[in-house]
């Protein structure tokens, strides 16, 4: 992902945590409605050794949760979020993430038992690791020493898809497969899940490990545009680059405005930006993925009709 060195005054900017291929695929589905505008802003890399924010997902999101480190002397962190899994005869799928209907007290009860289970695990790779909850749906594991080499894709990228197509990678992948199975068994018999199911809710039956990153991971200070939004990932990204004063919390229902970056899940921020574009409030939407910048403008009515006839 790149940061526009200078954001055009008539545009808003959306940081996009996916790949440039996914970004182009999205545009190919909406080409009849939105035109590529030439002259995309010159960008600078957010991080010198990794363009893709997924390499820093847990670190940035953790930094966005709190000004103070939740666990002292931690050298690494990983996102360890609750998920709803569904199994069929051939595979397992993540059906819900985040689990937005997970109550705080139920999350605390589940997390407490997970913390005990991990504490009693004698594998040295996670010895002494601490489970920390930022809220009911966002959990982290923080540890000393060297981080386990376990790599999973972000859950938002595989919701509803067969997980056999996205296998856990890394030298310590077998460790996570074991722990994941044990946690599923723990959750299956948990009284809080029995209560959820009795209330007509789906059982929270798994955790998803993703975004392993070293700490503290301080980065160079950059001149950042104002960030609007309450999303922890992008708030942490801004803080990691020394731009604490450029973060403004805002209700996600507010319209997009020119000259700012919208920080949040692209499924929420993109409709806001496109609505502002359609209404004439802004002239362009700049979307940055890793290694690619897409600038969208609203074509004329004649051009839209022409595009639809060609489609």
C-alpha atoms as a PDB file:
ATOM      1  CA  UNK A   1       0.000   0.000   0.000  1.00  0.00           C
ATOM      2  CA  UNK A   2       1.217   3.494  -0.807  1.00  0.00           C
ATOM      3  CA  UNK A   3       0.474   6.833   0.776  1.00  0.00           C
ATOM      4  CA  UNK A   4      -0.197   9.764  -1.557  1.00  0.00           C
ATOM      5  CA  UNK A   5       2.571  12.296  -1.014  1.00  0.00           C
ATOM      6  CA  UNK A   6       0.009  14.974  -1.775  1.00  0.00           C
ATOM      7  CA  UNK A   7      -3.703  14.256  -1.747  1.00  0.00           C
ATOM      8  CA  UNK A   8      -5.640  16.282  -4.331  1.00  0.00           C
ATOM      9  CA  UNK A   9      -7.962  18.739  -2.554  1.00  0.00           C
ATOM     10  CA  UNK A  10     -10.996  17.404  -4.412  1.00  0.00           C
ATOM     11  CA  UNK A  11     -10.369  13.729  -3.558  1.00  0.00           C
ATOM     12  CA  UNK A  12     -10.697  11.422  -0.591  1.00  0.00           C
ATOM     13  CA  UNK A  13      -8.342   8.518   0.037  1.00  0.00           C
ATOM     14  CA  UNK A  14      -9.092   4.927   1.061  1.00  0.00           C
ATOM     15  CA  UNK A  15      -6.263   2.720   2.326  1.00  0.00           C
ATOM     16  CA  UNK A  16      -6.983  -0.787   1.011  1.00  0.00           C
ATOM     17  CA  UNK A  17      -5.577  -3.792   2.861  1.00  0.00           C
ATOM     18  CA  UNK A  18      -5.980  -6.160  -0.059  1.00  0.00           C
ATOM     19  CA  UNK A  19      -3.811  -6.750  -3.105  1.00  0.00           C
ATOM     20  CA  UNK A  20      -3.645  -4.741  -6.280  1.00  0.00           C
ATOM     21  CA  UNK A  21      -5.112  -7.728  -8.156  1.00  0.00           C
ATOM     22  CA  UNK A  22      -8.182  -7.660  -5.881  1.00  0.00           C
ATOM     23  CA  UNK A  23      -8.480  -3.920  -6.371  1.00  0.00           C
ATOM     24  CA  UNK A  24      -8.391  -4.259 -10.162  1.00  0.00           C
ATOM     25  CA  UNK A  25     -10.878  -7.124  -9.997  1.00  0.00           C
ATOM     26  CA  UNK A  26     -13.276  -4.897  -8.070  1.00  0.00           C
ATOM     27  CA  UNK A  27     -12.960  -2.147 -10.654  1.00  0.00           C
ATOM     28  CA  UNK A  28     -13.557  -4.561 -13.538  1.00  0.00           C
ATOM     29  CA  UNK A  29     -16.959  -5.332 -12.002  1.00  0.00           C
ATOM     30  CA  UNK A  30     -17.849  -1.632 -11.734  1.00  0.00           C
ATOM     31  CA  UNK A  31     -16.173  -0.241 -14.830  1.00  0.00           C
ATOM     32  CA  UNK A  32     -19.500   0.900 -16.256  1.00  0.00           C
ATOM     33  CA  UNK A  33     -20.043   3.247 -13.328  1.00  0.00           C
ATOM     34  CA  UNK A  34     -16.592   4.541 -12.440  1.00  0.00           C
ATOM     35  CA  UNK A  35     -13.818   5.678 -14.729  1.00  0.00           C
ATOM     36  CA  UNK A  36     -10.110   5.566 -14.076  1.00  0.00           C
ATOM     37  CA  UNK A  37      -8.880   9.121 -13.796  1.00  0.00           C
ATOM     38  CA  UNK A  38      -5.380   9.783 -15.166  1.00  0.00           C
ATOM     39  CA  UNK A  39      -2.744  11.495 -13.090  1.00  0.00           C
ATOM     40  CA  UNK A  40      -2.942   9.417  -9.915  1.00  0.00           C
ATOM     41  CA  UNK A  41      -0.995  11.040  -7.086  1.00  0.00           C
ATOM     42  CA  UNK A  42       2.637  10.174  -6.618  1.00  0.00           C
ATOM     43  CA  UNK A  43       3.024   7.884  -3.640  1.00  0.00           C
ATOM     44  CA  UNK A  44       5.630   6.961  -1.060  1.00  0.00           C
ATOM     45  CA  UNK A  45       5.835   3.598   0.625  1.00  0.00           C
ATOM     46  CA  UNK A  46       4.388   3.399   4.099  1.00  0.00           C
ATOM     47  CA  UNK A  47       7.064   0.960   5.204  1.00  0.00           C
ATOM     48  CA  UNK A  48      10.465   0.393   3.697  1.00  0.00           C
ATOM     49  CA  UNK A  49      10.593  -3.390   3.971  1.00  0.00           C
ATOM     50  CA  UNK A  50       6.988  -4.440   3.343  1.00  0.00           C
ATOM     51  CA  UNK A  51       4.360  -2.714   1.253  1.00  0.00           C
ATOM     52  CA  UNK A  52       1.528  -5.033   2.194  1.00  0.00           C
ATOM     53  CA  UNK A  53      -0.123  -3.942   5.484  1.00  0.00           C
ATOM     54  CA  UNK A  54      -1.061  -7.548   6.183  1.00  0.00           C
ATOM     55  CA  UNK A  55       2.554  -8.028   7.290  1.00  0.00           C
ATOM     56  CA  UNK A  56       1.867  -5.544  10.098  1.00  0.00           C
ATOM     57  CA  UNK A  57      -1.816  -6.236  10.692  1.00  0.00           C
ATOM     58  CA  UNK A  58      -1.672  -7.302  14.339  1.00  0.00           C
ATOM     59  CA  UNK A  59       0.930  -4.696  15.312  1.00  0.00           C
ATOM     60  CA  UNK A  60      -0.922  -1.800  13.702  1.00  0.00           C
ATOM     61  CA  UNK A  61      -4.304  -2.894  15.031  1.00  0.00           C
ATOM     62  CA  UNK A  62      -2.890  -3.417  18.523  1.00  0.00           C
ATOM     63  CA  UNK A  63      -1.309   0.041  18.472  1.00  0.00           C
ATOM     64  CA  UNK A  64      -4.646   1.459  17.424  1.00  0.00           C
ATOM     65  CA  UNK A  65      -6.414  -0.123  20.408  1.00  0.00           C
ATOM     66  CA  UNK A  66      -4.543   1.682  23.159  1.00  0.00           C
ATOM     67  CA  UNK A  67      -1.854   4.301  23.718  1.00  0.00           C
ATOM     68  CA  UNK A  68      -0.177   2.078  26.298  1.00  0.00           C
ATOM     69  CA  UNK A  69       1.161  -1.421  25.693  1.00  0.00           C
ATOM     70  CA  UNK A  70      -1.337  -3.913  27.174  1.00  0.00           C
ATOM     71  CA  UNK A  71       1.403  -6.404  28.105  1.00  0.00           C
ATOM     72  CA  UNK A  72       4.834  -5.377  29.342  1.00  0.00           C
ATOM     73  CA  UNK A  73       7.998  -6.803  27.724  1.00  0.00           C
ATOM     74  CA  UNK A  74       6.163  -8.434  24.815  1.00  0.00           C
ATOM     75  CA  UNK A  75       8.289  -9.021  21.721  1.00  0.00           C
ATOM     76  CA  UNK A  76       5.574 -10.222  19.369  1.00  0.00           C
ATOM     77  CA  UNK A  77       1.823 -10.157  18.923  1.00  0.00           C
ATOM     78  CA  UNK A  78      -0.769 -11.880  16.802  1.00  0.00           C
ATOM     79  CA  UNK A  79      -4.471 -11.290  16.259  1.00  0.00           C
ATOM     80  CA  UNK A  80      -6.443 -14.209  17.695  1.00  0.00           C
ATOM     81  CA  UNK A  81     -10.068 -13.369  16.964  1.00  0.00           C
ATOM     82  CA  UNK A  82     -13.201 -15.407  17.673  1.00  0.00           C
ATOM     83  CA  UNK A  83     -14.879 -16.814  14.570  1.00  0.00           C
ATOM     84  CA  UNK A  84     -17.884 -18.925  13.652  1.00  0.00           C
ATOM     85  CA  UNK A  85     -16.831 -22.008  11.697  1.00  0.00           C
ATOM     86  CA  UNK A  86     -19.029 -24.324   9.660  1.00  0.00           C
ATOM     87  CA  UNK A  87     -17.984 -27.817   8.602  1.00  0.00           C
ATOM     88  CA  UNK A  88     -19.387 -30.029   5.887  1.00  0.00           C
ATOM     89  CA  UNK A  89     -18.308 -33.407   4.541  1.00  0.00           C
ATOM     90  CA  UNK A  90     -15.327 -31.987   2.703  1.00  0.00           C
ATOM     91  CA  UNK A  91     -14.126 -28.815   4.400  1.00  0.00           C
ATOM     92  CA  UNK A  92     -14.345 -26.104   7.047  1.00  0.00           C
ATOM     93  CA  UNK A  93     -15.296 -22.486   6.385  1.00  0.00           C
ATOM     94  CA  UNK A  94     -15.262 -19.246   8.365  1.00  0.00           C
ATOM     95  CA  UNK A  95     -18.860 -18.072   8.270  1.00  0.00           C
ATOM     96  CA  UNK A  96     -18.694 -15.072  10.599  1.00  0.00           C
ATOM     97  CA  UNK A  97     -15.941 -12.613  11.479  1.00  0.00           C
ATOM     98  CA  UNK A  98     -16.091 -10.460  13.408  1.00  0.00           C
ATOM     99  CA  UNK A  99     -18.692 -12.123  15.622  1.00  0.00           C
ATOM    100  CA  UNK A 100     -20.645  -8.931  16.187  1.00  0.00           C
ATOM    101  CA  UNK A 101     -23.320 -10.566  18.361  1.00  0.00           C
ATOM    102  CA  UNK A 102     -20.783 -11.877  20.890  1.00  0.00           C
ATOM    103  CA  UNK A 103     -21.605 -10.214  24.220  1.00  0.00           C
ATOM    104  CA  UNK A 104     -18.786  -8.866  26.377  1.00  0.00           C
ATOM    105  CA  UNK A 105     -19.475 -11.212  29.292  1.00  0.00           C
ATOM    106  CA  UNK A 106     -19.624 -14.269  27.031  1.00  0.00           C
ATOM    107  CA  UNK A 107     -16.376 -13.226  25.311  1.00  0.00           C
ATOM    108  CA  UNK A 108     -14.711 -12.797  28.689  1.00  0.00           C
ATOM    109  CA  UNK A 109     -15.801 -16.266  29.816  1.00  0.00           C
ATOM    110  CA  UNK A 110     -14.494 -17.854  26.608  1.00  0.00           C
ATOM    111  CA  UNK A 111     -11.227 -15.893  26.732  1.00  0.00           C
ATOM    112  CA  UNK A 112     -10.621 -16.818  30.369  1.00  0.00           C
ATOM    113  CA  UNK A 113     -10.790 -20.526  29.552  1.00  0.00           C
ATOM    114  CA  UNK A 114      -8.604 -20.085  26.467  1.00  0.00           C
ATOM    115  CA  UNK A 115      -6.014 -18.221  28.560  1.00  0.00           C
ATOM    116  CA  UNK A 116      -5.928 -21.085  31.075  1.00  0.00           C
ATOM    117  CA  UNK A 117      -5.597 -23.623  28.269  1.00  0.00           C
ATOM    118  CA  UNK A 118      -2.682 -21.756  26.690  1.00  0.00           C
ATOM    119  CA  UNK A 119      -1.016 -21.187  30.045  1.00  0.00           C
ATOM    120  CA  UNK A 120      -1.055 -24.939  30.713  1.00  0.00           C
ATOM    121  CA  UNK A 121       0.418 -25.725  27.286  1.00  0.00           C
ATOM    122  CA  UNK A 122       4.049 -26.784  27.748  1.00  0.00           C
ATOM    123  CA  UNK A 123       5.193 -25.950  24.216  1.00  0.00           C
ATOM    124  CA  UNK A 124       8.111 -23.482  24.622  1.00  0.00           C
ATOM    125  CA  UNK A 125       7.076 -21.542  21.531  1.00  0.00           C
ATOM    126  CA  UNK A 126       4.075 -20.076  23.343  1.00  0.00           C
ATOM    127  CA  UNK A 127       5.343 -20.385  26.919  1.00  0.00           C
ATOM    128  CA  UNK A 128       4.416 -17.300  28.901  1.00  0.00           C
ATOM    129  CA  UNK A 129       2.271 -15.807  26.139  1.00  0.00           C
ATOM    130  CA  UNK A 130      -0.607 -13.629  27.345  1.00  0.00           C
ATOM    131  CA  UNK A 131      -4.105 -13.446  25.860  1.00  0.00           C
ATOM    132  CA  UNK A 132      -5.489  -9.891  25.826  1.00  0.00           C
ATOM    133  CA  UNK A 133      -8.924  -8.660  24.779  1.00  0.00           C
ATOM    134  CA  UNK A 134      -9.353  -5.215  23.282  1.00  0.00           C
ATOM    135  CA  UNK A 135     -13.085  -5.890  23.046  1.00  0.00           C
ATOM    136  CA  UNK A 136     -15.392  -8.865  22.630  1.00  0.00           C
ATOM    137  CA  UNK A 137     -14.440  -9.443  18.992  1.00  0.00           C
ATOM    138  CA  UNK A 138     -10.750  -8.455  18.892  1.00  0.00           C
ATOM    139  CA  UNK A 139      -8.303 -10.647  20.823  1.00  0.00           C
ATOM    140  CA  UNK A 140      -4.514 -10.758  20.810  1.00  0.00           C
ATOM    141  CA  UNK A 141      -1.800 -13.129  21.955  1.00  0.00           C
ATOM    142  CA  UNK A 142       1.406 -11.410  23.073  1.00  0.00           C
ATOM    143  CA  UNK A 143       4.621 -13.164  23.963  1.00  0.00           C
ATOM    144  CA  UNK A 144       8.312 -12.844  24.695  1.00  0.00           C
ATOM    145  CA  UNK A 145      11.139 -14.454  22.779  1.00  0.00           C
ATOM    146  CA  UNK A 146      10.699 -15.247  19.096  1.00  0.00           C
ATOM    147  CA  UNK A 147       7.276 -15.291  17.488  1.00  0.00           C
ATOM    148  CA  UNK A 148       6.037 -18.665  16.230  1.00  0.00           C
ATOM    149  CA  UNK A 149       6.250 -18.928  12.456  1.00  0.00           C
ATOM    150  CA  UNK A 150       2.535 -19.338  11.763  1.00  0.00           C
ATOM    151  CA  UNK A 151       0.947 -17.608   8.783  1.00  0.00           C
ATOM    152  CA  UNK A 152      -2.765 -17.424   8.006  1.00  0.00           C
ATOM    153  CA  UNK A 153      -4.640 -15.094   5.695  1.00  0.00           C
ATOM    154  CA  UNK A 154      -6.885 -12.410   7.124  1.00  0.00           C
ATOM    155  CA  UNK A 155     -10.312 -13.871   7.917  1.00  0.00           C
ATOM    156  CA  UNK A 156     -12.136 -11.238   5.862  1.00  0.00           C
ATOM    157  CA  UNK A 157     -10.429 -12.644   2.759  1.00  0.00           C
ATOM    158  CA  UNK A 158     -11.706 -16.201   3.206  1.00  0.00           C
ATOM    159  CA  UNK A 159     -15.204 -15.836   4.697  1.00  0.00           C
ATOM    160  CA  UNK A 160     -17.422 -18.526   3.212  1.00  0.00           C
ATOM    161  CA  UNK A 161     -14.574 -20.158   1.301  1.00  0.00           C
ATOM    162  CA  UNK A 162     -13.105 -23.632   1.743  1.00  0.00           C
ATOM    163  CA  UNK A 163     -10.150 -23.315   4.117  1.00  0.00           C
ATOM    164  CA  UNK A 164      -8.337 -26.184   2.411  1.00  0.00           C
ATOM    165  CA  UNK A 165      -7.561 -23.652  -0.312  1.00  0.00           C
ATOM    166  CA  UNK A 166      -5.890 -21.399   2.279  1.00  0.00           C
ATOM    167  CA  UNK A 167      -3.762 -23.727   4.406  1.00  0.00           C
ATOM    168  CA  UNK A 168      -1.830 -22.480   7.426  1.00  0.00           C
ATOM    169  CA  UNK A 169       1.779 -21.892   6.419  1.00  0.00           C
ATOM    170  CA  UNK A 170       5.068 -21.501   8.291  1.00  0.00           C
ATOM    171  CA  UNK A 171       7.525 -23.696  10.156  1.00  0.00           C
ATOM    172  CA  UNK A 172       5.236 -23.817  13.206  1.00  0.00           C
ATOM    173  CA  UNK A 173       1.985 -24.410  11.329  1.00  0.00           C
ATOM    174  CA  UNK A 174       1.482 -27.774  13.046  1.00  0.00           C
ATOM    175  CA  UNK A 175       1.494 -26.009  16.421  1.00  0.00           C
ATOM    176  CA  UNK A 176      -1.450 -23.836  15.416  1.00  0.00           C
ATOM    177  CA  UNK A 177      -3.351 -26.764  13.894  1.00  0.00           C
ATOM    178  CA  UNK A 178      -3.085 -28.579  17.215  1.00  0.00           C
ATOM    179  CA  UNK A 179      -4.041 -25.592  19.353  1.00  0.00           C
ATOM    180  CA  UNK A 180      -6.868 -24.651  16.994  1.00  0.00           C
ATOM    181  CA  UNK A 181      -8.368 -28.145  17.268  1.00  0.00           C
ATOM    182  CA  UNK A 182      -8.099 -28.075  21.054  1.00  0.00           C
ATOM    183  CA  UNK A 183      -9.814 -24.681  21.239  1.00  0.00           C
ATOM    184  CA  UNK A 184     -12.618 -25.885  18.990  1.00  0.00           C
ATOM    185  CA  UNK A 185     -13.179 -28.785  21.390  1.00  0.00           C
ATOM    186  CA  UNK A 186     -13.084 -26.392  24.358  1.00  0.00           C
ATOM    187  CA  UNK A 187     -15.657 -24.094  22.759  1.00  0.00           C
ATOM    188  CA  UNK A 188     -17.886 -26.983  21.669  1.00  0.00           C
ATOM    189  CA  UNK A 189     -18.490 -27.955  25.298  1.00  0.00           C
ATOM    190  CA  UNK A 190     -18.570 -24.417  26.690  1.00  0.00           C
ATOM    191  CA  UNK A 191     -21.639 -23.330  28.667  1.00  0.00           C
ATOM    192  CA  UNK A 192     -21.613 -19.890  27.024  1.00  0.00           C
ATOM    193  CA  UNK A 193     -22.091 -21.467  23.624  1.00  0.00           C
ATOM    194  CA  UNK A 194     -24.955 -23.550  24.990  1.00  0.00           C
ATOM    195  CA  UNK A 195     -26.551 -20.306  26.156  1.00  0.00           C
ATOM    196  CA  UNK A 196     -25.986 -18.691  22.747  1.00  0.00           C
ATOM    197  CA  UNK A 197     -27.590 -21.584  20.929  1.00  0.00           C
ATOM    198  CA  UNK A 198     -30.526 -21.619  23.328  1.00  0.00           C
ATOM    199  CA  UNK A 199     -31.048 -17.952  22.428  1.00  0.00           C
ATOM    200  CA  UNK A 200     -31.000 -18.716  18.700  1.00  0.00           C
ATOM    201  CA  UNK A 201     -27.424 -17.556  18.123  1.00  0.00           C
ATOM    202  CA  UNK A 202     -24.662 -19.503  16.415  1.00  0.00           C
ATOM    203  CA  UNK A 203     -21.966 -21.009  18.608  1.00  0.00           C
ATOM    204  CA  UNK A 204     -18.572 -19.295  18.603  1.00  0.00           C
ATOM    205  CA  UNK A 205     -16.549 -22.386  17.812  1.00  0.00           C
ATOM    206  CA  UNK A 206     -13.049 -21.264  16.904  1.00  0.00           C
ATOM    207  CA  UNK A 207     -10.269 -18.698  16.947  1.00  0.00           C
ATOM    208  CA  UNK A 208      -8.289 -17.460  13.960  1.00  0.00           C
ATOM    209  CA  UNK A 209      -4.555 -16.712  14.250  1.00  0.00           C
ATOM    210  CA  UNK A 210      -3.352 -14.057  11.802  1.00  0.00           C
ATOM    211  CA  UNK A 211      -1.052 -11.078  11.362  1.00  0.00           C
ATOM    212  CA  UNK A 212       1.936 -12.191  13.454  1.00  0.00           C
ATOM    213  CA  UNK A 213       4.279  -9.216  13.937  1.00  0.00           C
ATOM    214  CA  UNK A 214       7.244  -8.207  16.051  1.00  0.00           C
ATOM    215  CA  UNK A 215       7.041  -5.436  18.641  1.00  0.00           C
ATOM    216  CA  UNK A 216       7.449  -2.537  19.057  1.00  0.00           C
ATOM    217  CA  UNK A 217       8.042  -2.100  15.343  1.00  0.00           C
ATOM    218  CA  UNK A 218       8.542   1.666  15.333  1.00  0.00           C
ATOM    219  CA  UNK A 219       8.614   3.238  11.882  1.00  0.00           C
ATOM    220  CA  UNK A 220       9.827   6.469  10.392  1.00  0.00           C
ATOM    221  CA  UNK A 221       7.674   9.561  10.902  1.00  0.00           C
ATOM    222  CA  UNK A 222       5.763  10.542   7.764  1.00  0.00           C
ATOM    223  CA  UNK A 223       3.557  13.468   6.836  1.00  0.00           C
ATOM    224  CA  UNK A 224       0.126  11.847   6.761  1.00  0.00           C
ATOM    225  CA  UNK A 225      -3.221  13.288   5.647  1.00  0.00           C
ATOM    226  CA  UNK A 226      -5.931  13.497   8.261  1.00  0.00           C
ATOM    227  CA  UNK A 227      -7.427  10.080   9.008  1.00  0.00           C
ATOM    228  CA  UNK A 228     -11.143   9.933   9.737  1.00  0.00           C
ATOM    229  CA  UNK A 229     -12.621   6.816  11.307  1.00  0.00           C
ATOM    230  CA  UNK A 230     -12.579   4.580  14.339  1.00  0.00           C
ATOM    231  CA  UNK A 231     -10.964   1.499  12.792  1.00  0.00           C
ATOM    232  CA  UNK A 232      -8.140   0.234  15.024  1.00  0.00           C
ATOM    233  CA  UNK A 233      -5.990  -1.064  12.147  1.00  0.00           C
ATOM    234  CA  UNK A 234      -5.589   2.238  10.341  1.00  0.00           C
ATOM    235  CA  UNK A 235      -5.530   4.277  13.543  1.00  0.00           C
ATOM    236  CA  UNK A 236      -2.578   2.134  14.616  1.00  0.00           C
ATOM    237  CA  UNK A 237      -0.921   2.580  11.225  1.00  0.00           C
ATOM    238  CA  UNK A 238      -1.071   6.367  11.623  1.00  0.00           C
ATOM    239  CA  UNK A 239       0.278   6.135  15.173  1.00  0.00           C
ATOM    240  CA  UNK A 240       3.099   3.860  14.043  1.00  0.00           C
ATOM    241  CA  UNK A 241       4.197   6.584  11.660  1.00  0.00           C
ATOM    242  CA  UNK A 242       4.128   9.330  14.270  1.00  0.00           C
ATOM    243  CA  UNK A 243       0.864  10.877  13.105  1.00  0.00           C
ATOM    244  CA  UNK A 244      -1.103  10.728  16.367  1.00  0.00           C
ATOM    245  CA  UNK A 245      -2.466  14.239  15.885  1.00  0.00           C
ATOM    246  CA  UNK A 246      -3.831  13.408  12.439  1.00  0.00           C
ATOM    247  CA  UNK A 247      -6.349  10.830  13.667  1.00  0.00           C
ATOM    248  CA  UNK A 248      -9.931  11.954  14.163  1.00  0.00           C
ATOM    249  CA  UNK A 249     -12.630   9.623  15.462  1.00  0.00           C
ATOM    250  CA  UNK A 250     -15.865   9.802  13.536  1.00  0.00           C
ATOM    251  CA  UNK A 251     -19.188   8.047  13.262  1.00  0.00           C
ATOM    252  CA  UNK A 252     -18.996   5.707  10.264  1.00  0.00           C
ATOM    253  CA  UNK A 253     -22.357   7.045   9.069  1.00  0.00           C
ATOM    254  CA  UNK A 254     -20.874  10.461   8.271  1.00  0.00           C
ATOM    255  CA  UNK A 255     -20.355  11.224   4.560  1.00  0.00           C
ATOM    256  CA  UNK A 256     -16.927  11.215   2.971  1.00  0.00           C
ATOM    257  CA  UNK A 257     -15.255  14.582   2.492  1.00  0.00           C
ATOM    258  CA  UNK A 258     -12.381  15.793   0.361  1.00  0.00           C
ATOM    259  CA  UNK A 259      -8.814  15.918   1.555  1.00  0.00           C
ATOM    260  CA  UNK A 260      -8.942  13.146   4.160  1.00  0.00           C
ATOM    261  CA  UNK A 261      -8.264   9.427   4.387  1.00  0.00           C
ATOM    262  CA  UNK A 262     -11.100   7.106   5.404  1.00  0.00           C
ATOM    263  CA  UNK A 263      -9.742   4.444   7.728  1.00  0.00           C
ATOM    264  CA  UNK A 264     -11.790   1.294   8.021  1.00  0.00           C
ATOM    265  CA  UNK A 265     -12.869  -1.888   6.293  1.00  0.00           C
ATOM    266  CA  UNK A 266     -13.173  -1.185   2.588  1.00  0.00           C
ATOM    267  CA  UNK A 267     -16.675  -2.680   2.639  1.00  0.00           C
ATOM    268  CA  UNK A 268     -17.716   0.235   4.857  1.00  0.00           C
ATOM    269  CA  UNK A 269     -15.546   3.070   3.595  1.00  0.00           C
ATOM    270  CA  UNK A 270     -15.907   2.479  -0.139  1.00  0.00           C
ATOM    271  CA  UNK A 271     -19.716   2.933  -0.229  1.00  0.00           C
ATOM    272  CA  UNK A 272     -19.316   6.195   1.711  1.00  0.00           C
ATOM    273  CA  UNK A 273     -16.715   7.467  -0.706  1.00  0.00           C
ATOM    274  CA  UNK A 274     -18.637   6.418  -3.806  1.00  0.00           C
ATOM    275  CA  UNK A 275     -21.822   8.019  -2.466  1.00  0.00           C
ATOM    276  CA  UNK A 276     -19.931  11.293  -2.052  1.00  0.00           C
ATOM    277  CA  UNK A 277     -18.521  10.889  -5.552  1.00  0.00           C
ATOM    278  CA  UNK A 278     -21.977  10.259  -7.029  1.00  0.00           C
ATOM    279  CA  UNK A 279     -23.388  13.265  -5.171  1.00  0.00           C
ATOM    280  CA  UNK A 280     -20.719  15.591  -6.476  1.00  0.00           C
ATOM    281  CA  UNK A 281     -19.241  16.285  -3.031  1.00  0.00           C
ATOM    282  CA  UNK A 282     -15.840  15.080  -4.211  1.00  0.00           C
ATOM    283  CA  UNK A 283     -14.339  14.753  -7.672  1.00  0.00           C
ATOM    284  CA  UNK A 284     -12.318  11.572  -7.161  1.00  0.00           C
ATOM    285  CA  UNK A 285     -11.718   8.612  -4.887  1.00  0.00           C
ATOM    286  CA  UNK A 286      -8.118   7.478  -4.517  1.00  0.00           C
ATOM    287  CA  UNK A 287      -7.700   3.841  -3.448  1.00  0.00           C
ATOM    288  CA  UNK A 288      -4.251   2.477  -2.632  1.00  0.00           C
ATOM    289  CA  UNK A 289      -3.441  -1.221  -2.528  1.00  0.00           C
ATOM    290  CA  UNK A 290       0.012  -2.740  -2.274  1.00  0.00           C
ATOM    291  CA  UNK A 291       1.938  -1.504  -5.273  1.00  0.00           C
ATOM    292  CA  UNK A 292      -1.028  -0.003  -7.115  1.00  0.00           C
ATOM    293  CA  UNK A 293      -3.075   3.188  -6.989  1.00  0.00           C
ATOM    294  CA  UNK A 294      -6.565   3.446  -8.451  1.00  0.00           C
ATOM    295  CA  UNK A 295      -8.175   6.862  -8.863  1.00  0.00           C
ATOM    296  CA  UNK A 296     -11.899   6.754  -9.613  1.00  0.00           C
ATOM    297  CA  UNK A 297     -13.929   9.556 -11.114  1.00  0.00           C
ATOM    298  CA  UNK A 298     -17.597   9.758 -12.017  1.00  0.00           C
ATOM    299  CA  UNK A 299     -17.973   9.556 -15.806  1.00  0.00           C
ATOM    300  CA  UNK A 300     -20.514  11.646 -17.626  1.00  0.00           C
ATOM    301  CA  UNK A 301     -24.067  10.361 -18.071  1.00  0.00           C
ATOM    302  CA  UNK A 302     -23.375   9.759 -21.767  1.00  0.00           C
ATOM    303  CA  UNK A 303     -20.236   7.797 -20.951  1.00  0.00           C
ATOM    304  CA  UNK A 304     -22.079   5.685 -18.358  1.00  0.00           C
ATOM    305  CA  UNK A 305     -24.810   4.843 -20.856  1.00  0.00           C
ATOM    306  CA  UNK A 306     -22.217   4.009 -23.486  1.00  0.00           C
ATOM    307  CA  UNK A 307     -20.332   1.773 -21.051  1.00  0.00           C
ATOM    308  CA  UNK A 308     -23.489  -0.085 -20.089  1.00  0.00           C
ATOM    309  CA  UNK A 309     -24.451  -0.657 -23.717  1.00  0.00           C
ATOM    310  CA  UNK A 310     -20.985  -2.076 -24.393  1.00  0.00           C
ATOM    311  CA  UNK A 311     -21.230  -4.318 -21.339  1.00  0.00           C
END
